[in-house]
PDB file of all heavy atoms in Angstrom:
ATOM      1  N   SER A   1     -25.308  60.172 -22.888  1.00  0.00           N
ATOM      2  CA  SER A   1     -24.451  60.625 -23.987  1.00  0.00           C
ATOM      3  C   SER A   1     -25.076  60.217 -25.327  1.00  0.00           C
ATOM      4  O   SER A   1     -25.833  59.240 -25.392  1.00  0.00           O
ATOM      5  CB  SER A   1     -23.061  60.006 -23.878  1.00  0.00           C
ATOM      6  OG  SER A   1     -23.105  58.620 -24.206  1.00  0.00           O
ATOM      7  N   PRO A   2     -24.770  60.955 -26.377  1.00  0.00           N
ATOM      8  CA  PRO A   2     -25.284  60.583 -27.697  1.00  0.00           C
ATOM      9  C   PRO A   2     -24.881  59.161 -28.096  1.00  0.00           C
ATOM     10  O   PRO A   2     -25.678  58.430 -28.700  1.00  0.00           O
ATOM     11  CB  PRO A   2     -24.665  61.625 -28.637  1.00  0.00           C
ATOM     12  CG  PRO A   2     -24.370  62.794 -27.769  1.00  0.00           C
ATOM     13  CD  PRO A   2     -24.026  62.219 -26.422  1.00  0.00           C
ATOM     14  N   GLU A   3     -23.678  58.765 -27.744  1.00  0.00           N
ATOM     15  CA  GLU A   3     -23.206  57.420 -28.110  1.00  0.00           C
ATOM     16  C   GLU A   3     -24.008  56.336 -27.388  1.00  0.00           C
ATOM     17  O   GLU A   3     -24.388  55.328 -27.993  1.00  0.00           O
ATOM     18  CB  GLU A   3     -21.710  57.273 -27.797  1.00  0.00           C
ATOM     19  CG  GLU A   3     -20.807  58.157 -28.642  1.00  0.00           C
ATOM     20  CD  GLU A   3     -20.812  59.624 -28.213  1.00  0.00           C
ATOM     21  OE1 GLU A   3     -21.172  59.945 -27.057  1.00  0.00           O
ATOM     22  OE2 GLU A   3     -20.468  60.472 -29.061  1.00  0.00           O
ATOM     23  N   THR A   4     -24.272  56.537 -26.100  1.00  0.00           N
ATOM     24  CA  THR A   4     -25.084  55.575 -25.348  1.00  0.00           C
ATOM     25  C   THR A   4     -26.510  55.560 -25.872  1.00  0.00           C
ATOM     26  O   THR A   4     -27.128  54.499 -26.008  1.00  0.00           O
ATOM     27  CB  THR A   4     -25.069  55.908 -23.840  1.00  0.00           C
ATOM     28  OG1 THR A   4     -23.720  55.866 -23.379  1.00  0.00           O
ATOM     29  CG2 THR A   4     -25.918  54.935 -23.045  1.00  0.00           C
ATOM     30  N   LEU A   5     -27.033  56.733 -26.190  1.00  0.00           N
ATOM     31  CA  LEU A   5     -28.386  56.822 -26.747  1.00  0.00           C
ATOM     32  C   LEU A   5     -28.463  56.058 -28.067  1.00  0.00           C
ATOM     33  O   LEU A   5     -29.417  55.316 -28.305  1.00  0.00           O
ATOM     34  CB  LEU A   5     -28.783  58.287 -26.943  1.00  0.00           C
ATOM     35  CG  LEU A   5     -30.217  58.555 -27.358  1.00  0.00           C
ATOM     36  CD1 LEU A   5     -31.201  57.986 -26.347  1.00  0.00           C
ATOM     37  CD2 LEU A   5     -30.434  60.052 -27.533  1.00  0.00           C
ATOM     38  N   ALA A   6     -27.448  56.202 -28.898  1.00  0.00           N
ATOM     39  CA  ALA A   6     -27.421  55.478 -30.174  1.00  0.00           C
ATOM     40  C   ALA A   6     -27.385  53.970 -29.930  1.00  0.00           C
ATOM     41  O   ALA A   6     -28.110  53.206 -30.581  1.00  0.00           O
ATOM     42  CB  ALA A   6     -26.211  55.914 -31.000  1.00  0.00           C
ATOM     43  N   GLU A   7     -26.586  53.556 -28.971  1.00  0.00           N
ATOM     44  CA  GLU A   7     -26.480  52.130 -28.668  1.00  0.00           C
ATOM     45  C   GLU A   7     -27.809  51.575 -28.149  1.00  0.00           C
ATOM     46  O   GLU A   7     -28.250  50.507 -28.564  1.00  0.00           O
ATOM     47  CB  GLU A   7     -25.378  51.920 -27.625  1.00  0.00           C
ATOM     48  CG  GLU A   7     -25.143  50.466 -27.283  1.00  0.00           C
ATOM     49  CD  GLU A   7     -24.017  50.312 -26.268  1.00  0.00           C
ATOM     50  OE1 GLU A   7     -23.003  51.021 -26.378  1.00  0.00           O
ATOM     51  OE2 GLU A   7     -24.179  49.473 -25.357  1.00  0.00           O
ATOM     52  N   GLU A   8     -28.468  52.313 -27.258  1.00  0.00           N
ATOM     53  CA  GLU A   8     -29.703  51.823 -26.651  1.00  0.00           C
ATOM     54  C   GLU A   8     -30.898  51.854 -27.600  1.00  0.00           C
ATOM     55  O   GLU A   8     -31.815  51.052 -27.464  1.00  0.00           O
ATOM     56  CB  GLU A   8     -30.014  52.607 -25.384  1.00  0.00           C
ATOM     57  CG  GLU A   8     -29.035  52.303 -24.275  1.00  0.00           C
ATOM     58  CD  GLU A   8     -29.418  52.934 -22.957  1.00  0.00           C
ATOM     59  OE1 GLU A   8     -30.538  53.474 -22.832  1.00  0.00           O
ATOM     60  OE2 GLU A   8     -28.585  52.869 -22.034  1.00  0.00           O
ATOM     61  N   THR A   9     -30.886  52.778 -28.542  1.00  0.00           N
ATOM     62  CA  THR A   9     -32.019  52.887 -29.473  1.00  0.00           C
ATOM     63  C   THR A   9     -31.800  52.121 -30.765  1.00  0.00           C
ATOM     64  O   THR A   9     -32.758  51.848 -31.491  1.00  0.00           O
ATOM     65  CB  THR A   9     -32.289  54.359 -29.841  1.00  0.00           C
ATOM     66  OG1 THR A   9     -31.118  54.897 -30.462  1.00  0.00           O
ATOM     67  CG2 THR A   9     -32.673  55.177 -28.622  1.00  0.00           C
ATOM     68  N   GLY A  10     -30.536  51.814 -31.063  1.00  0.00           N
ATOM     69  CA  GLY A  10     -30.235  51.187 -32.344  1.00  0.00           C
ATOM     70  C   GLY A  10     -30.241  52.173 -33.498  1.00  0.00           C
ATOM     71  O   GLY A  10     -30.243  51.784 -34.665  1.00  0.00           O
ATOM     72  N   LEU A  11     -30.225  53.462 -33.168  1.00  0.00           N
ATOM     73  CA  LEU A  11     -30.252  54.512 -34.188  1.00  0.00           C
ATOM     74  C   LEU A  11     -28.855  55.076 -34.401  1.00  0.00           C
ATOM     75  O   LEU A  11     -28.021  55.058 -33.501  1.00  0.00           O
ATOM     76  CB  LEU A  11     -31.191  55.645 -33.756  1.00  0.00           C
ATOM     77  CG  LEU A  11     -32.648  55.280 -33.501  1.00  0.00           C
ATOM     78  CD1 LEU A  11     -33.399  56.485 -32.933  1.00  0.00           C
ATOM     79  CD2 LEU A  11     -33.314  54.777 -34.769  1.00  0.00           C
ATOM     80  N   SER A  12     -28.641  55.608 -35.581  1.00  0.00           N
ATOM     81  CA  SER A  12     -27.389  56.313 -35.837  1.00  0.00           C
ATOM     82  C   SER A  12     -27.492  57.715 -35.236  1.00  0.00           C
ATOM     83  O   SER A  12     -28.587  58.195 -34.899  1.00  0.00           O
ATOM     84  CB  SER A  12     -27.141  56.424 -37.351  1.00  0.00           C
ATOM     85  OG  SER A  12     -28.085  57.317 -37.929  1.00  0.00           O
ATOM     86  N   LEU A  13     -26.357  58.397 -35.125  1.00  0.00           N
ATOM     87  CA  LEU A  13     -26.377  59.770 -34.616  1.00  0.00           C
ATOM     88  C   LEU A  13     -27.184  60.683 -35.540  1.00  0.00           C
ATOM     89  O   LEU A  13     -27.874  61.594 -35.076  1.00  0.00           O
ATOM     90  CB  LEU A  13     -24.950  60.294 -34.427  1.00  0.00           C
ATOM     91  CG  LEU A  13     -24.140  59.585 -33.317  1.00  0.00           C
ATOM     92  CD1 LEU A  13     -22.716  60.117 -33.271  1.00  0.00           C
ATOM     93  CD2 LEU A  13     -24.819  59.707 -31.968  1.00  0.00           C
ATOM     94  N   GLN A  14     -27.157  60.426 -36.841  1.00  0.00           N
ATOM     95  CA  GLN A  14     -27.940  61.217 -37.799  1.00  0.00           C
ATOM     96  C   GLN A  14     -29.442  60.975 -37.590  1.00  0.00           C
ATOM     97  O   GLN A  14     -30.247  61.905 -37.681  1.00  0.00           O
ATOM     98  CB  GLN A  14     -27.539  60.885 -39.245  1.00  0.00           C
ATOM     99  CG  GLN A  14     -26.145  61.318 -39.621  1.00  0.00           C
ATOM    100  CD  GLN A  14     -25.070  60.326 -39.153  1.00  0.00           C
ATOM    101  OE1 GLN A  14     -25.342  59.207 -38.724  1.00  0.00           O
ATOM    102  NE2 GLN A  14     -23.816  60.757 -39.203  1.00  0.00           N
ATOM    103  N   GLN A  15     -29.825  59.730 -37.318  1.00  0.00           N
ATOM    104  CA  GLN A  15     -31.237  59.428 -37.064  1.00  0.00           C
ATOM    105  C   GLN A  15     -31.694  60.072 -35.755  1.00  0.00           C
ATOM    106  O   GLN A  15     -32.824  60.569 -35.670  1.00  0.00           O
ATOM    107  CB  GLN A  15     -31.461  57.918 -37.023  1.00  0.00           C
ATOM    108  CG  GLN A  15     -31.326  57.261 -38.380  1.00  0.00           C
ATOM    109  CD  GLN A  15     -31.301  55.737 -38.284  1.00  0.00           C
ATOM    110  OE1 GLN A  15     -30.731  55.166 -37.346  1.00  0.00           O
ATOM    111  NE2 GLN A  15     -31.919  55.086 -39.267  1.00  0.00           N
ATOM    112  N   ILE A  16     -30.822  60.080 -34.755  1.00  0.00           N
ATOM    113  CA  ILE A  16     -31.158  60.740 -33.496  1.00  0.00           C
ATOM    114  C   ILE A  16     -31.379  62.224 -33.731  1.00  0.00           C
ATOM    115  O   ILE A  16     -32.363  62.809 -33.255  1.00  0.00           O
ATOM    116  CB  ILE A  16     -30.067  60.485 -32.429  1.00  0.00           C
ATOM    117  CG1 ILE A  16     -30.108  59.007 -31.998  1.00  0.00           C
ATOM    118  CG2 ILE A  16     -30.239  61.421 -31.231  1.00  0.00           C
ATOM    119  CD1 ILE A  16     -28.956  58.570 -31.134  1.00  0.00           C
ATOM    120  N   GLU A  17     -30.500  62.849 -34.478  1.00  0.00           N
ATOM    121  CA  GLU A  17     -30.654  64.276 -34.796  1.00  0.00           C
ATOM    122  C   GLU A  17     -31.971  64.526 -35.535  1.00  0.00           C
ATOM    123  O   GLU A  17     -32.705  65.474 -35.223  1.00  0.00           O
ATOM    124  CB  GLU A  17     -29.469  64.768 -35.625  1.00  0.00           C
ATOM    125  CG  GLU A  17     -29.525  66.245 -35.951  1.00  0.00           C
ATOM    126  CD  GLU A  17     -29.371  67.139 -34.738  1.00  0.00           C
ATOM    127  OE1 GLU A  17     -28.685  66.757 -33.782  1.00  0.00           O
ATOM    128  OE2 GLU A  17     -29.966  68.241 -34.749  1.00  0.00           O
ATOM    129  N   ALA A  18     -32.307  63.673 -36.486  1.00  0.00           N
ATOM    130  CA  ALA A  18     -33.562  63.828 -37.234  1.00  0.00           C
ATOM    131  C   ALA A  18     -34.775  63.645 -36.317  1.00  0.00           C
ATOM    132  O   ALA A  18     -35.764  64.374 -36.434  1.00  0.00           O
ATOM    133  CB  ALA A  18     -33.614  62.834 -38.393  1.00  0.00           C
ATOM    134  N   GLY A  19     -34.703  62.680 -35.402  1.00  0.00           N
ATOM    135  CA  GLY A  19     -35.805  62.463 -34.466  1.00  0.00           C
ATOM    136  C   GLY A  19     -35.999  63.649 -33.532  1.00  0.00           C
ATOM    137  O   GLY A  19     -37.136  64.072 -33.273  1.00  0.00           O
ATOM    138  N   VAL A  20     -34.902  64.194 -33.023  1.00  0.00           N
ATOM    139  CA  VAL A  20     -34.980  65.356 -32.137  1.00  0.00           C
ATOM    140  C   VAL A  20     -35.517  66.558 -32.910  1.00  0.00           C
ATOM    141  O   VAL A  20     -36.370  67.305 -32.414  1.00  0.00           O
ATOM    142  CB  VAL A  20     -33.597  65.657 -31.519  1.00  0.00           C
ATOM    143  CG1 VAL A  20     -33.584  66.999 -30.797  1.00  0.00           C
ATOM    144  CG2 VAL A  20     -33.196  64.534 -30.569  1.00  0.00           C
ATOM    145  N   THR A  21     -35.067  66.752 -34.123  1.00  0.00           N
ATOM    146  CA  THR A  21     -35.546  67.863 -34.955  1.00  0.00           C
ATOM    147  C   THR A  21     -37.033  67.701 -35.235  1.00  0.00           C
ATOM    148  O   THR A  21     -37.796  68.670 -35.146  1.00  0.00           O
ATOM    149  CB  THR A  21     -34.751  67.927 -36.274  1.00  0.00           C
ATOM    150  OG1 THR A  21     -33.369  68.137 -35.950  1.00  0.00           O
ATOM    151  CG2 THR A  21     -35.257  69.034 -37.171  1.00  0.00           C
ATOM    152  N   TRP A  22     -37.477  66.491 -35.569  1.00  0.00           N
ATOM    153  CA  TRP A  22     -38.901  66.242 -35.843  1.00  0.00           C
ATOM    154  C   TRP A  22     -39.733  66.621 -34.629  1.00  0.00           C
ATOM    155  O   TRP A  22     -40.763  67.279 -34.749  1.00  0.00           O
ATOM    156  CB  TRP A  22     -39.145  64.781 -36.223  1.00  0.00           C
ATOM    157  CG  TRP A  22     -40.562  64.539 -36.604  1.00  0.00           C
ATOM    158  CD1 TRP A  22     -41.105  64.636 -37.854  1.00  0.00           C
ATOM    159  CD2 TRP A  22     -41.647  64.198 -35.738  1.00  0.00           C
ATOM    160  NE1 TRP A  22     -42.449  64.378 -37.810  1.00  0.00           N
ATOM    161  CE2 TRP A  22     -42.806  64.111 -36.520  1.00  0.00           C
ATOM    162  CE3 TRP A  22     -41.746  63.963 -34.375  1.00  0.00           C
ATOM    163  CZ2 TRP A  22     -44.048  63.794 -35.987  1.00  0.00           C
ATOM    164  CZ3 TRP A  22     -42.974  63.657 -33.838  1.00  0.00           C
ATOM    165  CH2 TRP A  22     -44.110  63.574 -34.637  1.00  0.00           C
ATOM    166  N   ARG A  23     -39.292  66.223 -33.440  1.00  0.00           N
ATOM    167  CA  ARG A  23     -40.041  66.520 -32.217  1.00  0.00           C
ATOM    168  C   ARG A  23     -40.120  68.017 -31.993  1.00  0.00           C
ATOM    169  O   ARG A  23     -41.159  68.553 -31.612  1.00  0.00           O
ATOM    170  CB  ARG A  23     -39.391  65.836 -31.015  1.00  0.00           C
ATOM    171  CG  ARG A  23     -40.086  66.108 -29.715  1.00  0.00           C
ATOM    172  CD  ARG A  23     -41.474  65.491 -29.740  1.00  0.00           C
ATOM    173  NE  ARG A  23     -42.132  65.762 -28.495  1.00  0.00           N
ATOM    174  CZ  ARG A  23     -43.363  66.244 -28.409  1.00  0.00           C
ATOM    175  NH1 ARG A  23     -44.071  66.462 -29.486  1.00  0.00           N
ATOM    176  NH2 ARG A  23     -43.898  66.466 -27.244  1.00  0.00           N
ATOM    177  N   SER A  24     -39.016  68.710 -32.223  1.00  0.00           N
ATOM    178  CA  SER A  24     -38.987  70.154 -32.039  1.00  0.00           C
ATOM    179  C   SER A  24     -39.949  70.846 -32.998  1.00  0.00           C
ATOM    180  O   SER A  24     -40.717  71.725 -32.600  1.00  0.00           O
ATOM    181  CB  SER A  24     -37.566  70.667 -32.247  1.00  0.00           C
ATOM    182  OG  SER A  24     -37.527  72.058 -32.133  1.00  0.00           O
ATOM    183  N   ILE A  25     -39.945  70.443 -34.245  1.00  0.00           N
ATOM    184  CA  ILE A  25     -40.848  71.034 -35.243  1.00  0.00           C
ATOM    185  C   ILE A  25     -42.298  70.709 -34.902  1.00  0.00           C
ATOM    186  O   ILE A  25     -43.181  71.569 -34.984  1.00  0.00           O
ATOM    187  CB  ILE A  25     -40.481  70.555 -36.661  1.00  0.00           C
ATOM    188  CG1 ILE A  25     -39.137  71.152 -37.075  1.00  0.00           C
ATOM    189  CG2 ILE A  25     -41.571  70.912 -37.667  1.00  0.00           C
ATOM    190  CD1 ILE A  25     -38.543  70.551 -38.331  1.00  0.00           C
ATOM    191  N   ASP A  26     -42.560  69.480 -34.479  1.00  0.00           N
ATOM    192  CA  ASP A  26     -43.906  69.076 -34.095  1.00  0.00           C
ATOM    193  C   ASP A  26     -44.408  69.926 -32.929  1.00  0.00           C
ATOM    194  O   ASP A  26     -45.545  70.399 -32.929  1.00  0.00           O
ATOM    195  CB  ASP A  26     -43.911  67.585 -33.730  1.00  0.00           C
ATOM    196  CG  ASP A  26     -45.295  67.040 -33.477  1.00  0.00           C
ATOM    197  OD1 ASP A  26     -46.200  67.307 -34.294  1.00  0.00           O
ATOM    198  OD2 ASP A  26     -45.469  66.325 -32.468  1.00  0.00           O
ATOM    199  N   PHE A  27     -43.546  70.158 -31.946  1.00  0.00           N
ATOM    200  CA  PHE A  27     -43.933  70.991 -30.810  1.00  0.00           C
ATOM    201  C   PHE A  27     -44.192  72.429 -31.256  1.00  0.00           C
ATOM    202  O   PHE A  27     -45.141  73.065 -30.802  1.00  0.00           O
ATOM    203  CB  PHE A  27     -42.877  70.965 -29.703  1.00  0.00           C
ATOM    204  CG  PHE A  27     -43.239  71.864 -28.555  1.00  0.00           C
ATOM    205  CD1 PHE A  27     -44.221  71.481 -27.653  1.00  0.00           C
ATOM    206  CD2 PHE A  27     -42.628  73.093 -28.396  1.00  0.00           C
ATOM    207  CE1 PHE A  27     -44.586  72.323 -26.605  1.00  0.00           C
ATOM    208  CE2 PHE A  27     -42.987  73.931 -27.351  1.00  0.00           C
ATOM    209  CZ  PHE A  27     -43.961  73.550 -26.457  1.00  0.00           C
ATOM    210  N   GLN A  28     -43.352  72.961 -32.138  1.00  0.00           N
ATOM    211  CA  GLN A  28     -43.551  74.325 -32.618  1.00  0.00           C
ATOM    212  C   GLN A  28     -44.895  74.459 -33.328  1.00  0.00           C
ATOM    213  O   GLN A  28     -45.603  75.452 -33.138  1.00  0.00           O
ATOM    214  CB  GLN A  28     -42.418  74.734 -33.552  1.00  0.00           C
ATOM    215  CG  GLN A  28     -41.117  74.979 -32.840  1.00  0.00           C
ATOM    216  CD  GLN A  28     -39.965  75.227 -33.813  1.00  0.00           C
ATOM    217  OE1 GLN A  28     -40.149  75.288 -35.014  1.00  0.00           O
ATOM    218  NE2 GLN A  28     -38.766  75.361 -33.268  1.00  0.00           N
ATOM    219  N   HIS A  29     -45.263  73.457 -34.121  1.00  0.00           N
ATOM    220  CA  HIS A  29     -46.568  73.486 -34.794  1.00  0.00           C
ATOM    221  C   HIS A  29     -47.702  73.478 -33.775  1.00  0.00           C
ATOM    222  O   HIS A  29     -48.679  74.208 -33.911  1.00  0.00           O
ATOM    223  CB  HIS A  29     -46.709  72.311 -35.752  1.00  0.00           C
ATOM    224  CG  HIS A  29     -45.883  72.438 -36.979  1.00  0.00           C
ATOM    225  ND1 HIS A  29     -45.613  71.389 -37.810  1.00  0.00           N
ATOM    226  CD2 HIS A  29     -45.240  73.498 -37.531  1.00  0.00           C
ATOM    227  CE1 HIS A  29     -44.869  71.776 -38.797  1.00  0.00           C
ATOM    228  NE2 HIS A  29     -44.608  73.068 -38.648  1.00  0.00           N
ATOM    229  N   TRP A  30     -47.560  72.638 -32.737  1.00  0.00           N
ATOM    230  CA  TRP A  30     -48.584  72.580 -31.699  1.00  0.00           C
ATOM    231  C   TRP A  30     -48.691  73.934 -31.004  1.00  0.00           C
ATOM    232  O   TRP A  30     -49.784  74.453 -30.795  1.00  0.00           O
ATOM    233  CB  TRP A  30     -48.255  71.485 -30.677  1.00  0.00           C
ATOM    234  CG  TRP A  30     -49.285  71.420 -29.597  1.00  0.00           C
ATOM    235  CD1 TRP A  30     -50.415  70.661 -29.595  1.00  0.00           C
ATOM    236  CD2 TRP A  30     -49.305  72.175 -28.379  1.00  0.00           C
ATOM    237  NE1 TRP A  30     -51.134  70.894 -28.449  1.00  0.00           N
ATOM    238  CE2 TRP A  30     -50.483  71.824 -27.674  1.00  0.00           C
ATOM    239  CE3 TRP A  30     -48.452  73.111 -27.813  1.00  0.00           C
ATOM    240  CZ2 TRP A  30     -50.815  72.370 -26.446  1.00  0.00           C
ATOM    241  CZ3 TRP A  30     -48.796  73.662 -26.578  1.00  0.00           C
ATOM    242  CH2 TRP A  30     -49.964  73.283 -25.910  1.00  0.00           C
ATOM    243  N   HIS A  31     -47.551  74.508 -30.656  1.00  0.00           N
ATOM    244  CA  HIS A  31     -47.538  75.781 -29.937  1.00  0.00           C
ATOM    245  C   HIS A  31     -48.168  76.894 -30.774  1.00  0.00           C
ATOM    246  O   HIS A  31     -48.912  77.724 -30.257  1.00  0.00           O
ATOM    247  CB  HIS A  31     -46.112  76.147 -29.527  1.00  0.00           C
ATOM    248  CG  HIS A  31     -46.046  77.331 -28.613  1.00  0.00           C
ATOM    249  ND1 HIS A  31     -46.664  77.362 -27.388  1.00  0.00           N
ATOM    250  CD2 HIS A  31     -45.435  78.530 -28.755  1.00  0.00           C
ATOM    251  CE1 HIS A  31     -46.446  78.526 -26.814  1.00  0.00           C
ATOM    252  NE2 HIS A  31     -45.703  79.249 -27.619  1.00  0.00           N
ATOM    253  N   GLN A  32     -47.893  76.898 -32.071  1.00  0.00           N
ATOM    254  CA  GLN A  32     -48.489  77.897 -32.950  1.00  0.00           C
ATOM    255  C   GLN A  32     -50.008  77.757 -32.998  1.00  0.00           C
ATOM    256  O   GLN A  32     -50.732  78.739 -33.075  1.00  0.00           O
ATOM    257  CB  GLN A  32     -47.912  77.780 -34.358  1.00  0.00           C
ATOM    258  CG  GLN A  32     -46.486  78.246 -34.465  1.00  0.00           C
ATOM    259  CD  GLN A  32     -45.866  77.904 -35.813  1.00  0.00           C
ATOM    260  OE1 GLN A  32     -46.450  77.212 -36.635  1.00  0.00           O
ATOM    261  NE2 GLN A  32     -44.645  78.388 -36.027  1.00  0.00           N
ATOM    262  N   GLN A  33     -50.485  76.515 -32.946  1.00  0.00           N
ATOM    263  CA  GLN A  33     -51.922  76.278 -33.039  1.00  0.00           C
ATOM    264  C   GLN A  33     -52.634  76.464 -31.706  1.00  0.00           C
ATOM    265  O   GLN A  33     -53.720  77.029 -31.657  1.00  0.00           O
ATOM    266  CB  GLN A  33     -52.182  74.872 -33.571  1.00  0.00           C
ATOM    267  CG  GLN A  33     -53.638  74.594 -33.846  1.00  0.00           C
ATOM    268  CD  GLN A  33     -53.844  73.249 -34.521  1.00  0.00           C
ATOM    269  OE1 GLN A  33     -52.918  72.494 -34.732  1.00  0.00           O
ATOM    270  NE2 GLN A  33     -55.075  72.954 -34.848  1.00  0.00           N
ATOM    271  N   PHE A  34     -52.030  75.995 -30.603  1.00  0.00           N
ATOM    272  CA  PHE A  34     -52.730  75.966 -29.321  1.00  0.00           C
ATOM    273  C   PHE A  34     -52.058  76.756 -28.209  1.00  0.00           C
ATOM    274  O   PHE A  34     -52.606  76.862 -27.113  1.00  0.00           O
ATOM    275  CB  PHE A  34     -52.872  74.511 -28.841  1.00  0.00           C
ATOM    276  CG  PHE A  34     -53.623  73.640 -29.785  1.00  0.00           C
ATOM    277  CD1 PHE A  34     -52.950  72.680 -30.521  1.00  0.00           C
ATOM    278  CD2 PHE A  34     -54.987  73.779 -29.975  1.00  0.00           C
ATOM    279  CE1 PHE A  34     -53.627  71.859 -31.399  1.00  0.00           C
ATOM    280  CE2 PHE A  34     -55.674  72.966 -30.840  1.00  0.00           C
ATOM    281  CZ  PHE A  34     -54.998  72.001 -31.567  1.00  0.00           C
ATOM    282  N   GLY A  35     -50.866  77.265 -28.460  1.00  0.00           N
ATOM    283  CA  GLY A  35     -50.102  77.935 -27.405  1.00  0.00           C
ATOM    284  C   GLY A  35     -50.797  79.164 -26.862  1.00  0.00           C
ATOM    285  O   GLY A  35     -51.665  79.762 -27.515  1.00  0.00           O
ATOM    286  N   LYS A  36     -50.383  79.551 -25.674  1.00  0.00           N
ATOM    287  CA  LYS A  36     -50.950  80.716 -25.007  1.00  0.00           C
ATOM    288  C   LYS A  36     -50.637  81.972 -25.807  1.00  0.00           C
ATOM    289  O   LYS A  36     -49.491  82.225 -26.155  1.00  0.00           O
ATOM    290  CB  LYS A  36     -50.377  80.798 -23.598  1.00  0.00           C
ATOM    291  CG  LYS A  36     -51.114  81.709 -22.693  1.00  0.00           C
ATOM    292  CD  LYS A  36     -50.587  81.554 -21.268  1.00  0.00           C
ATOM    293  CE  LYS A  36     -51.433  82.372 -20.340  1.00  0.00           C
ATOM    294  NZ  LYS A  36     -50.940  82.257 -18.974  1.00  0.00           N
ATOM    295  N   LYS A  37     -51.634  82.765 -26.100  1.00  0.00           N
ATOM    296  CA  LYS A  37     -51.477  83.940 -26.942  1.00  0.00           C
ATOM    297  C   LYS A  37     -51.304  85.239 -26.137  1.00  0.00           C
ATOM    298  O   LYS A  37     -50.977  86.258 -26.665  1.00  0.00           O
ATOM    299  CB  LYS A  37     -52.709  84.098 -27.845  1.00  0.00           C
ATOM    300  CG  LYS A  37     -53.012  82.867 -28.665  1.00  0.00           C
ATOM    301  CD  LYS A  37     -52.376  82.952 -30.017  1.00  0.00           C
ATOM    302  CE  LYS A  37     -52.905  81.901 -30.953  1.00  0.00           C
ATOM    303  NZ  LYS A  37     -52.210  80.675 -30.991  1.00  0.00           N
ATOM    304  N   ASP A  38     -51.567  85.187 -24.831  1.00  0.00           N
ATOM    305  CA  ASP A  38     -51.566  86.433 -24.051  1.00  0.00           C
ATOM    306  C   ASP A  38     -50.555  86.408 -22.905  1.00  0.00           C
ATOM    307  O   ASP A  38     -50.785  87.010 -21.871  1.00  0.00           O
ATOM    308  CB  ASP A  38     -52.961  86.729 -23.528  1.00  0.00           C
ATOM    309  CG  ASP A  38     -53.514  85.596 -22.663  1.00  0.00           C
ATOM    310  OD1 ASP A  38     -52.898  84.522 -22.620  1.00  0.00           O
ATOM    311  OD2 ASP A  38     -54.564  85.808 -22.030  1.00  0.00           O
ATOM    312  N   GLY A  39     -49.442  85.762 -23.092  1.00  0.00           N
ATOM    313  CA  GLY A  39     -48.412  85.703 -22.064  1.00  0.00           C
ATOM    314  C   GLY A  39     -47.467  86.873 -22.155  1.00  0.00           C
ATOM    315  O   GLY A  39     -47.689  87.816 -22.915  1.00  0.00           O
ATOM    316  N   PRO A  40     -46.386  86.830 -21.355  1.00  0.00           N
ATOM    317  CA  PRO A  40     -45.429  87.943 -21.345  1.00  0.00           C
ATOM    318  C   PRO A  40     -44.740  88.170 -22.687  1.00  0.00           C
ATOM    319  O   PRO A  40     -44.283  89.254 -22.968  1.00  0.00           O
ATOM    320  CB  PRO A  40     -44.412  87.561 -20.268  1.00  0.00           C
ATOM    321  CG  PRO A  40     -44.612  86.104 -20.011  1.00  0.00           C
ATOM    322  CD  PRO A  40     -46.013  85.780 -20.437  1.00  0.00           C
TER     323      PRO A  40
END
């Protein structure tokens, strides 16, 4: 749960959201640079 995650990480729910968003954006950048270009 988000509450347990906040407790275990010491992060606020806003920091968790920012961390998840950062990871998503980082992955999108990687995919744009190296992702498969000839898939379905």
